[in-house]
Amino acid sequence: MQIGYAPLFQNPGSVLADSEVYKNELRLAQLADPLNFDSVWSVEHHFTDYTMCPDVVQFLSFMAGRCPRLQLGTMVIVLPWHDPVRVAEQISLLDHLCEGRMILGLGRGLGRVEYEGFRIDMDEGRGRFVEYAQLVLEGLERGFVEGGDTVKQPRRDIRPFPSRSFRGRTYAAAVSPESMPIMAGLGAGLLIIPQKPWNVVEKDFQIYHKIFREENGCEAPPPLCGGFYFVDESADRAEEMAHKYIGDYYHTAMNHYEMTAEHFGKAKGYEFYSNVGTYIEKHGKENAAEDFVKLMPFGTPQQVLDKLRNIHEIIGMNGVMCHFSYAGMPYDEAERNMRCFASGVLPELKSWKVAPMPAAESLNLSLESAA
């Protein structure tokens, strides 16, 4: 099992100086190597205290130098907010710097505050994602970017030329059922951010696997699964703190995404999310947060392993990305949480027999081969 650590850089209510958040989050991220994690990941967000990492590739470039053993994952680069040529260049450069240790995760974003901040019509989000993903993924395989129905990109080489293929190490975040065929068509693995009951996720996977086989002529790769963890030797304390901090996290998500606002789920391609707003309106924010907590792996080390085993039986993931510091949790508590996972969960989890992450295959592109 591939096990990653994913800092969030949250600063709810701006209680701390942003510099203080970064000092502590970077310290925890650099513990991932000595604690025997396999990878470090980053989440892209902008403009609010929800998650303060506006450039995941820049952060991972820093981590590439600090932790030369770890793989480096984007969860995710939000394509509609970027120029696809620049994204392809950034990915190629980071993969050179880290000698093929990058795992590429892509997504389309959900926050109105971010779409409006970048002066992009949210109705264009899904279309932009599909077009840009095709441009970026094809470009990384052939060494140049060209085309696009709307961007009409003139042919330009990606320099440095990509040195390794991203086939098999590209994933895409998908929550709505409508996204499953899109990700399958792109040939991307699924990056699961738990947000709905696992039996519902299982039904979505059936659609994804069927279309992946039809479009790609092979089986889909195992997914990767994110999650909010709270691990403690005391089951009672783990439950109490999980409901506090994981629940508080969900409140920050409801605020950032404006889940109870009239506009939520009204943009083209985002209609699925209206169900989320309806659910919160019917059950209340506190009950919605409690339901979110129940999806997460918290408890004693053995309880966490049991919950992960249940999730694995449903989705068959071969990797997890773990959040240990979130929602204003004191940093000494976050470190204790992380270390308890590393000592009590990680060794057994690594022993589980799952399909390995694919190795990065060399491309050997040049001006002649890209011509």
Foldseek 3Di string as FASTA:
>chain_A
DAEEAEEFLACVVVPDPSVVSVVLSVVLRLVCQVLPHAAYEYEADDDDRLGPDPDQLVVVLVVCVSRLRHAYEYQAAQQVLDDLLVVLLSVQVSCVSNVNRYQHEYEQDQFPVSCVVSPHAVLCRVVRRLQSLVQNLVCLQQQWGAQGPPVRDHIDGRPVRRFFHNQLRYEYEDDDLVCLLSCLLSLHAYEYEDQDDLVVVLVSVVVNQVNNCVNPVDGRDFYEYEFEEFADQAQVVFVVVLLVFQLLSVVSVCVRSVLQDPCRLVHNPSVVSVVVNVVCVVPPSSVSSVVSSVLHQIGYLVSSQVSVVVSCVRRVHPYYYYYQDGNPDPSVSSSVRVSRCSPRHVVVSVVDDGDDRDGTHTNPDDPVSSD
